[in-house]
Amino acid sequence: LRRRLKDELGWETLVPDHASSYPLV
């Protein structure tokens, strides 16, 4: 699904690892 969202909608996508954190800017 990550690849399809990127290819079909042009979105920046990623699959997070368990316990990973990301900033919300």
PDB file of all heavy atoms in Angstrom:
ATOM      1  N   LEU A   1       0.836  -1.201   0.000  1.00  0.00           N
ATOM      2  CA  LEU A   1       0.000   0.000   0.000  1.00  0.00           C
ATOM      3  C   LEU A   1       0.870   1.249   0.000  1.00  0.00           C
ATOM      4  O   LEU A   1       0.536   2.244  -0.666  1.00  0.00           O
ATOM      5  CB  LEU A   1      -0.937   0.000   1.208  1.00  0.00           C
ATOM      6  CG  LEU A   1      -1.920   1.176   1.256  1.00  0.00           C
ATOM      7  CD1 LEU A   1      -2.833   1.173   0.028  1.00  0.00           C
ATOM      8  CD2 LEU A   1      -2.762   1.145   2.537  1.00  0.00           C
ATOM      9  N   ARG A   2       1.989   1.212   0.719  1.00  0.00           N
ATOM     10  CA  ARG A   2       2.912   2.357   0.692  1.00  0.00           C
ATOM     11  C   ARG A   2       3.312   2.686  -0.741  1.00  0.00           C
ATOM     12  O   ARG A   2       3.271   3.853  -1.161  1.00  0.00           O
ATOM     13  CB  ARG A   2       4.156   2.032   1.520  1.00  0.00           C
ATOM     14  CG  ARG A   2       5.227   3.131   1.463  1.00  0.00           C
ATOM     15  CD  ARG A   2       6.580   2.627   1.944  1.00  0.00           C
ATOM     16  NE  ARG A   2       7.134   1.587   1.080  1.00  0.00           N
ATOM     17  CZ  ARG A   2       7.737   1.815  -0.084  1.00  0.00           C
ATOM     18  NH1 ARG A   2       7.839   3.051  -0.560  1.00  0.00           N
ATOM     19  NH2 ARG A   2       8.202   0.806  -0.805  1.00  0.00           N
ATOM     20  N   ARG A   3       3.693   1.656  -1.513  1.00  0.00           N
ATOM     21  CA  ARG A   3       4.116   1.894  -2.895  1.00  0.00           C
ATOM     22  C   ARG A   3       2.976   2.438  -3.744  1.00  0.00           C
ATOM     23  O   ARG A   3       3.180   3.349  -4.568  1.00  0.00           O
ATOM     24  CB  ARG A   3       4.651   0.597  -3.505  1.00  0.00           C
ATOM     25  CG  ARG A   3       5.941   0.092  -2.887  1.00  0.00           C
ATOM     26  CD  ARG A   3       6.611  -0.961  -3.773  1.00  0.00           C
ATOM     27  NE  ARG A   3       5.683  -2.032  -4.160  1.00  0.00           N
ATOM     28  CZ  ARG A   3       5.500  -3.145  -3.458  1.00  0.00           C
ATOM     29  NH1 ARG A   3       6.150  -3.316  -2.313  1.00  0.00           N
ATOM     30  NH2 ARG A   3       4.677  -4.075  -3.879  1.00  0.00           N
ATOM     31  N   ARG A   4       1.788   1.907  -3.559  1.00  0.00           N
ATOM     32  CA  ARG A   4       0.657   2.360  -4.376  1.00  0.00           C
ATOM     33  C   ARG A   4       0.286   3.811  -4.049  1.00  0.00           C
ATOM     34  O   ARG A   4      -0.060   4.587  -4.949  1.00  0.00           O
ATOM     35  CB  ARG A   4      -0.540   1.434  -4.173  1.00  0.00           C
ATOM     36  CG  ARG A   4      -0.361   0.081  -4.863  1.00  0.00           C
ATOM     37  CD  ARG A   4      -1.620  -0.756  -4.808  1.00  0.00           C
ATOM     38  NE  ARG A   4      -1.436  -2.008  -5.530  1.00  0.00           N
ATOM     39  CZ  ARG A   4      -1.590  -2.163  -6.840  1.00  0.00           C
ATOM     40  NH1 ARG A   4      -1.929  -1.116  -7.579  1.00  0.00           N
ATOM     41  NH2 ARG A   4      -1.408  -3.341  -7.416  1.00  0.00           N
ATOM     42  N   LEU A   5       0.319   4.178  -2.780  1.00  0.00           N
ATOM     43  CA  LEU A   5       0.023   5.563  -2.423  1.00  0.00           C
ATOM     44  C   LEU A   5       1.052   6.513  -3.025  1.00  0.00           C
ATOM     45  O   LEU A   5       0.717   7.616  -3.473  1.00  0.00           O
ATOM     46  CB  LEU A   5      -0.010   5.716  -0.903  1.00  0.00           C
ATOM     47  CG  LEU A   5      -1.174   5.027  -0.176  1.00  0.00           C
ATOM     48  CD1 LEU A   5      -0.997   5.125   1.343  1.00  0.00           C
ATOM     49  CD2 LEU A   5      -2.513   5.626  -0.586  1.00  0.00           C
ATOM     50  N   LYS A   6       2.284   6.075  -3.064  1.00  0.00           N
ATOM     51  CA  LYS A   6       3.337   6.890  -3.661  1.00  0.00           C
ATOM     52  C   LYS A   6       3.168   6.975  -5.175  1.00  0.00           C
ATOM     53  O   LYS A   6       3.236   8.074  -5.761  1.00  0.00           O
ATOM     54  CB  LYS A   6       4.708   6.302  -3.312  1.00  0.00           C
ATOM     55  CG  LYS A   6       5.897   7.051  -3.893  1.00  0.00           C
ATOM     56  CD  LYS A   6       7.201   6.405  -3.459  1.00  0.00           C
ATOM     57  CE  LYS A   6       8.410   7.166  -4.000  1.00  0.00           C
ATOM     58  NZ  LYS A   6       8.477   7.123  -5.481  1.00  0.00           N
ATOM     59  N   ASP A   7       2.923   5.827  -5.822  1.00  0.00           N
ATOM     60  CA  ASP A   7       2.861   5.795  -7.279  1.00  0.00           C
ATOM     61  C   ASP A   7       1.575   6.395  -7.824  1.00  0.00           C
ATOM     62  O   ASP A   7       1.596   7.098  -8.850  1.00  0.00           O
ATOM     63  CB  ASP A   7       3.001   4.347  -7.771  1.00  0.00           C
ATOM     64  CG  ASP A   7       4.367   3.752  -7.472  1.00  0.00           C
ATOM     65  OD1 ASP A   7       5.304   4.520  -7.196  1.00  0.00           O
ATOM     66  OD2 ASP A   7       4.484   2.510  -7.496  1.00  0.00           O
ATOM     67  N   GLU A   8       0.436   6.123  -7.168  1.00  0.00           N
ATOM     68  CA  GLU A   8      -0.851   6.551  -7.710  1.00  0.00           C
ATOM     69  C   GLU A   8      -1.273   7.941  -7.230  1.00  0.00           C
ATOM     70  O   GLU A   8      -1.962   8.663  -7.953  1.00  0.00           O
ATOM     71  CB  GLU A   8      -1.935   5.534  -7.354  1.00  0.00           C
ATOM     72  CG  GLU A   8      -1.698   4.159  -7.976  1.00  0.00           C
ATOM     73  CD  GLU A   8      -2.886   3.228  -7.813  1.00  0.00           C
ATOM     74  OE1 GLU A   8      -4.032   3.726  -7.752  1.00  0.00           O
ATOM     75  OE2 GLU A   8      -2.671   1.998  -7.751  1.00  0.00           O
ATOM     76  N   LEU A   9      -0.885   8.313  -6.006  1.00  0.00           N
ATOM     77  CA  LEU A   9      -1.284   9.620  -5.479  1.00  0.00           C
ATOM     78  C   LEU A   9      -0.109  10.578  -5.340  1.00  0.00           C
ATOM     79  O   LEU A   9      -0.314  11.771  -5.085  1.00  0.00           O
ATOM     80  CB  LEU A   9      -1.974   9.447  -4.116  1.00  0.00           C
ATOM     81  CG  LEU A   9      -3.239   8.580  -4.103  1.00  0.00           C
ATOM     82  CD1 LEU A   9      -3.824   8.526  -2.686  1.00  0.00           C
ATOM     83  CD2 LEU A   9      -4.272   9.105  -5.084  1.00  0.00           C
ATOM     84  N   GLY A  10       1.117  10.068  -5.503  1.00  0.00           N
ATOM     85  CA  GLY A  10       2.288  10.929  -5.403  1.00  0.00           C
ATOM     86  C   GLY A  10       2.614  11.356  -3.993  1.00  0.00           C
ATOM     87  O   GLY A  10       3.267  12.384  -3.779  1.00  0.00           O
ATOM     88  N   TRP A  11       2.201  10.569  -3.001  1.00  0.00           N
ATOM     89  CA  TRP A  11       2.387  10.946  -1.608  1.00  0.00           C
ATOM     90  C   TRP A  11       3.736  10.490  -1.068  1.00  0.00           C
ATOM     91  O   TRP A  11       4.294   9.485  -1.507  1.00  0.00           O
ATOM     92  CB  TRP A  11       1.289  10.322  -0.752  1.00  0.00           C
ATOM     93  CG  TRP A  11      -0.077  10.920  -0.950  1.00  0.00           C
ATOM     94  CD1 TRP A  11      -0.433  11.910  -1.820  1.00  0.00           C
ATOM     95  CD2 TRP A  11      -1.265  10.557  -0.251  1.00  0.00           C
ATOM     96  NE1 TRP A  11      -1.775  12.186  -1.707  1.00  0.00           N
ATOM     97  CE2 TRP A  11      -2.318  11.367  -0.748  1.00  0.00           C
ATOM     98  CE3 TRP A  11      -1.554   9.621   0.738  1.00  0.00           C
ATOM     99  CZ2 TRP A  11      -3.629  11.270  -0.295  1.00  0.00           C
ATOM    100  CZ3 TRP A  11      -2.852   9.522   1.210  1.00  0.00           C
ATOM    101  CH2 TRP A  11      -3.877  10.333   0.703  1.00  0.00           C
ATOM    102  N   GLU A  12       4.219  11.232  -0.074  1.00  0.00           N
ATOM    103  CA  GLU A  12       5.369  10.779   0.712  1.00  0.00           C
ATOM    104  C   GLU A  12       4.848   9.785   1.748  1.00  0.00           C
ATOM    105  O   GLU A  12       4.029  10.133   2.600  1.00  0.00           O
ATOM    106  CB  GLU A  12       6.061  11.949   1.414  1.00  0.00           C
ATOM    107  CG  GLU A  12       7.245  11.511   2.266  1.00  0.00           C
ATOM    108  CD  GLU A  12       7.857  12.637   3.063  1.00  0.00           C
ATOM    109  OE1 GLU A  12       7.693  13.801   2.660  1.00  0.00           O
ATOM    110  OE2 GLU A  12       8.482  12.345   4.101  1.00  0.00           O
ATOM    111  N   THR A  13       5.305   8.558   1.669  1.00  0.00           N
ATOM    112  CA  THR A  13       4.764   7.508   2.520  1.00  0.00           C
ATOM    113  C   THR A  13       5.883   6.701   3.160  1.00  0.00           C
ATOM    114  O   THR A  13       6.985   6.604   2.613  1.00  0.00           O
ATOM    115  CB  THR A  13       3.885   6.531   1.708  1.00  0.00           C
ATOM    116  OG1 THR A  13       4.664   5.967   0.648  1.00  0.00           O
ATOM    117  CG2 THR A  13       2.675   7.234   1.123  1.00  0.00           C
ATOM    118  N   LEU A  14       5.600   6.122   4.310  1.00  0.00           N
ATOM    119  CA  LEU A  14       6.545   5.211   4.940  1.00  0.00           C
ATOM    120  C   LEU A  14       5.801   4.232   5.830  1.00  0.00           C
ATOM    121  O   LEU A  14       4.682   4.488   6.285  1.00  0.00           O
ATOM    122  CB  LEU A  14       7.619   5.963   5.731  1.00  0.00           C
ATOM    123  CG  LEU A  14       7.197   6.823   6.922  1.00  0.00           C
ATOM    124  CD1 LEU A  14       7.117   5.994   8.201  1.00  0.00           C
ATOM    125  CD2 LEU A  14       8.191   7.958   7.122  1.00  0.00           C
ATOM    126  N   VAL A  15       6.434   3.080   6.068  1.00  0.00           N
ATOM    127  CA  VAL A  15       5.917   2.062   6.978  1.00  0.00           C
ATOM    128  C   VAL A  15       6.753   2.130   8.251  1.00  0.00           C
ATOM    129  O   VAL A  15       7.937   1.785   8.232  1.00  0.00           O
ATOM    130  CB  VAL A  15       5.999   0.657   6.355  1.00  0.00           C
ATOM    131  CG1 VAL A  15       5.503  -0.398   7.339  1.00  0.00           C
ATOM    132  CG2 VAL A  15       5.205   0.600   5.062  1.00  0.00           C
ATOM    133  N   PRO A  16       6.187   2.587   9.361  1.00  0.00           N
ATOM    134  CA  PRO A  16       6.996   2.755  10.580  1.00  0.00           C
ATOM    135  C   PRO A  16       7.333   1.426  11.240  1.00  0.00           C
ATOM    136  O   PRO A  16       6.589   0.450  11.138  1.00  0.00           O
ATOM    137  CB  PRO A  16       6.089   3.595  11.479  1.00  0.00           C
ATOM    138  CG  PRO A  16       4.697   3.255  11.034  1.00  0.00           C
ATOM    139  CD  PRO A  16       4.794   3.019   9.554  1.00  0.00           C
ATOM    140  N   ASP A  17       8.468   1.397  11.919  1.00  0.00           N
ATOM    141  CA  ASP A  17       8.848   0.253  12.740  1.00  0.00           C
ATOM    142  C   ASP A  17       8.155   0.352  14.096  1.00  0.00           C
ATOM    143  O   ASP A  17       7.760   1.443  14.541  1.00  0.00           O
ATOM    144  CB  ASP A  17      10.364   0.222  12.958  1.00  0.00           C
ATOM    145  CG  ASP A  17      11.137   0.014  11.668  1.00  0.00           C
ATOM    146  OD1 ASP A  17      10.600  -0.679  10.775  1.00  0.00           O
ATOM    147  OD2 ASP A  17      12.256   0.548  11.565  1.00  0.00           O
ATOM    148  N   HIS A  18       8.051  -0.790  14.763  1.00  0.00           N
ATOM    149  CA  HIS A  18       7.480  -0.787  16.104  1.00  0.00           C
ATOM    150  C   HIS A  18       8.322   0.079  17.041  1.00  0.00           C
ATOM    151  O   HIS A  18       9.556   0.026  17.028  1.00  0.00           O
ATOM    152  CB  HIS A  18       7.399  -2.210  16.661  1.00  0.00           C
ATOM    153  CG  HIS A  18       6.859  -2.271  18.049  1.00  0.00           C
ATOM    154  ND1 HIS A  18       5.535  -1.988  18.344  1.00  0.00           N
ATOM    155  CD2 HIS A  18       7.455  -2.565  19.245  1.00  0.00           C
ATOM    156  CE1 HIS A  18       5.342  -2.127  19.640  1.00  0.00           C
ATOM    157  NE2 HIS A  18       6.491  -2.466  20.209  1.00  0.00           N
ATOM    158  N   ALA A  19       7.650   0.907  17.825  1.00  0.00           N
ATOM    159  CA  ALA A  19       8.256   1.806  18.815  1.00  0.00           C
ATOM    160  C   ALA A  19       9.020   2.968  18.194  1.00  0.00           C
ATOM    161  O   ALA A  19       9.729   3.691  18.908  1.00  0.00           O
ATOM    162  CB  ALA A  19       9.152   1.042  19.786  1.00  0.00           C
ATOM    163  N   SER A  20       8.893   3.176  16.880  1.00  0.00           N
ATOM    164  CA  SER A  20       9.571   4.310  16.242  1.00  0.00           C
ATOM    165  C   SER A  20       8.774   5.594  16.469  1.00  0.00           C
ATOM    166  O   SER A  20       7.553   5.571  16.628  1.00  0.00           O
ATOM    167  CB  SER A  20       9.744   4.062  14.747  1.00  0.00           C
ATOM    168  OG  SER A  20       8.484   3.872  14.116  1.00  0.00           O
ATOM    169  N   SER A  21       9.483   6.730  16.485  1.00  0.00           N
ATOM    170  CA  SER A  21       8.869   8.039  16.710  1.00  0.00           C
ATOM    171  C   SER A  21       9.214   8.980  15.569  1.00  0.00           C
ATOM    172  O   SER A  21      10.314   8.904  14.997  1.00  0.00           O
ATOM    173  CB  SER A  21       9.349   8.650  18.028  1.00  0.00           C
ATOM    174  OG  SER A  21       8.941   7.888  19.135  1.00  0.00           O
ATOM    175  N   TYR A  22       8.295   9.891  15.270  1.00  0.00           N
ATOM    176  CA  TYR A  22       8.489  10.850  14.190  1.00  0.00           C
ATOM    177  C   TYR A  22       7.997  12.223  14.644  1.00  0.00           C
ATOM    178  O   TYR A  22       6.974  12.331  15.333  1.00  0.00           O
ATOM    179  CB  TYR A  22       7.716  10.419  12.934  1.00  0.00           C
ATOM    180  CG  TYR A  22       8.199   9.104  12.382  1.00  0.00           C
ATOM    181  CD1 TYR A  22       7.677   7.907  12.857  1.00  0.00           C
ATOM    182  CD2 TYR A  22       9.201   9.061  11.418  1.00  0.00           C
ATOM    183  CE1 TYR A  22       8.134   6.687  12.371  1.00  0.00           C
ATOM    184  CE2 TYR A  22       9.663   7.845  10.924  1.00  0.00           C
ATOM    185  CZ  TYR A  22       9.118   6.668  11.408  1.00  0.00           C
ATOM    186  OH  TYR A  22       9.571   5.466  10.931  1.00  0.00           O
ATOM    187  N   PRO A  23       8.719  13.285  14.252  1.00  0.00           N
ATOM    188  CA  PRO A  23       8.260  14.633  14.601  1.00  0.00           C
ATOM    189  C   PRO A  23       7.063  15.026  13.749  1.00  0.00           C
ATOM    190  O   PRO A  23       6.971  14.670  12.565  1.00  0.00           O
ATOM    191  CB  PRO A  23       9.469  15.501  14.287  1.00  0.00           C
ATOM    192  CG  PRO A  23      10.200  14.752  13.217  1.00  0.00           C
ATOM    193  CD  PRO A  23       9.990  13.294  13.525  1.00  0.00           C
ATOM    194  N   LEU A  24       6.149  15.735  14.337  1.00  0.00           N
ATOM    195  CA  LEU A  24       5.020  16.349  13.620  1.00  0.00           C
ATOM    196  C   LEU A  24       5.306  17.838  13.605  1.00  0.00           C
ATOM    197  O   LEU A  24       5.244  18.507  14.650  1.00  0.00           O
ATOM    198  CB  LEU A  24       3.703  16.043  14.330  1.00  0.00           C
ATOM    199  CG  LEU A  24       3.371  14.550  14.526  1.00  0.00           C
ATOM    200  CD1 LEU A  24       2.088  14.385  15.320  1.00  0.00           C
ATOM    201  CD2 LEU A  24       3.264  13.837  13.181  1.00  0.00           C
ATOM    202  N   VAL A  25       5.629  18.353  12.448  1.00  0.00           N
ATOM    203  CA  VAL A  25       6.148  19.710  12.339  1.00  0.00           C
ATOM    204  C   VAL A  25       5.010  20.687  12.050  1.00  0.00           C
ATOM    205  O   VAL A  25       4.310  20.549  11.037  1.00  0.00           O
ATOM    206  CB  VAL A  25       7.220  19.796  11.225  1.00  0.00           C
ATOM    207  CG1 VAL A  25       7.750  21.222  11.129  1.00  0.00           C
ATOM    208  CG2 VAL A  25       8.352  18.823  11.523  1.00  0.00           C
TER     209      VAL A  25
END
